[in-house]
C-alpha atoms as a PDB file:
ATOM      1  CA  MET A   1       0.011   0.073  -0.092  1.00  0.00           C
ATOM      2  CA  THR A   2       1.510   3.377  -0.918  1.00  0.00           C
ATOM      3  CA  GLY A   3       1.668   6.289   1.338  1.00  0.00           C
ATOM      4  CA  ILE A   4      -1.304   7.955  -0.711  1.00  0.00           C
ATOM      5  CA  ASP A   5      -3.098   4.887  -0.146  1.00  0.00           C
ATOM      6  CA  LYS A   6      -2.400   4.896   3.548  1.00  0.00           C
ATOM      7  CA  VAL A   7      -3.508   8.740   3.975  1.00  0.00           C
ATOM      8  CA  TYR A   8      -6.617   8.248   1.894  1.00  0.00           C
ATOM      9  CA  LYS A   9      -7.618   5.148   4.004  1.00  0.00           C
ATOM     10  CA  PHE A  10      -6.913   6.791   7.202  1.00  0.00           C
ATOM     11  CA  ILE A  11      -8.898  10.042   6.442  1.00  0.00           C
ATOM     12  CA  TYR A  12     -11.991   7.950   5.058  1.00  0.00           C
ATOM     13  CA  GLU A  13     -12.033   5.675   8.044  1.00  0.00           C
ATOM     14  CA  THR A  14     -11.372   8.386  10.655  1.00  0.00           C
ATOM     15  CA  TYR A  15     -13.255  11.498   9.330  1.00  0.00           C
ATOM     16  CA  GLY A  16     -15.564  10.125   6.680  1.00  0.00           C
ATOM     17  CA  GLU A  17     -17.260  13.348   5.215  1.00  0.00           C
ATOM     18  CA  HIS A  18     -16.338  15.538   8.399  1.00  0.00           C
ATOM     19  CA  PRO A  19     -13.705  18.169   8.098  1.00  0.00           C
ATOM     20  CA  PHE A  20     -10.130  17.802   9.020  1.00  0.00           C
ATOM     21  CA  THR A  21      -6.934  19.727   9.321  1.00  0.00           C
ATOM     22  CA  THR A  22      -3.390  18.710   8.045  1.00  0.00           C
ATOM     23  CA  GLU A  23      -2.282  19.216  11.544  1.00  0.00           C
ATOM     24  CA  GLN A  24      -4.616  16.322  12.609  1.00  0.00           C
ATOM     25  CA  ILE A  25      -3.130  14.300   9.856  1.00  0.00           C
ATOM     26  CA  TYR A  26       0.424  15.022  10.661  1.00  0.00           C
ATOM     27  CA  ALA A  27      -0.083  14.547  14.417  1.00  0.00           C
ATOM     28  CA  GLN A  28      -1.312  10.847  13.389  1.00  0.00           C
ATOM     29  CA  ALA A  29       1.727  10.081  11.052  1.00  0.00           C
ATOM     30  CA  ASP A  30       2.774   7.157  13.249  1.00  0.00           C
ATOM     31  CA  LEU A  31      -0.900   5.626  13.223  1.00  0.00           C
ATOM     32  CA  ILE A  32      -1.117   6.086   9.487  1.00  0.00           C
ATOM     33  CA  GLY A  33       2.472   4.318   9.172  1.00  0.00           C
ATOM     34  CA  ILE A  34       3.797   7.064   7.008  1.00  0.00           C
ATOM     35  CA  LYS A  35       6.643   9.412   7.728  1.00  0.00           C
ATOM     36  CA  LYS A  36       5.604  12.909   8.472  1.00  0.00           C
ATOM     37  CA  SER A  37       7.749  14.310   5.472  1.00  0.00           C
ATOM     38  CA  SER A  38       5.570  12.244   3.033  1.00  0.00           C
ATOM     39  CA  ILE A  39       2.344  13.394   4.296  1.00  0.00           C
ATOM     40  CA  ALA A  40       2.303  16.734   2.575  1.00  0.00           C
ATOM     41  CA  GLY A  41       3.280  14.887  -0.912  1.00  0.00           C
ATOM     42  CA  ALA A  42       0.578  12.263  -0.320  1.00  0.00           C
ATOM     43  CA  LEU A  43      -2.116  14.900   0.537  1.00  0.00           C
ATOM     44  CA  GLN A  44      -1.061  16.949  -2.646  1.00  0.00           C
ATOM     45  CA  GLN A  45      -1.678  13.779  -4.741  1.00  0.00           C
ATOM     46  CA  LEU A  46      -5.012  13.260  -3.379  1.00  0.00           C
ATOM     47  CA  LYS A  47      -5.882  16.866  -3.949  1.00  0.00           C
ATOM     48  CA  LYS A  48      -4.871  16.361  -7.577  1.00  0.00           C
ATOM     49  CA  LYS A  49      -7.191  13.125  -7.872  1.00  0.00           C
ATOM     50  CA  GLY A  50     -10.197  15.420  -6.703  1.00  0.00           C
ATOM     51  CA  PHE A  51     -10.201  14.164  -3.117  1.00  0.00           C
END
């Protein structure tokens, strides 16, 4: 599973359609299983895909 997949799955399962902040995602990096330095790129890719 790629970092993008991990971030998407975490957001979907944790927040569903509720709003969230990038700070909340960064704070949960260890739980997601992705390096904090990779989160920005994963979020950018999700944004490009229309997430």
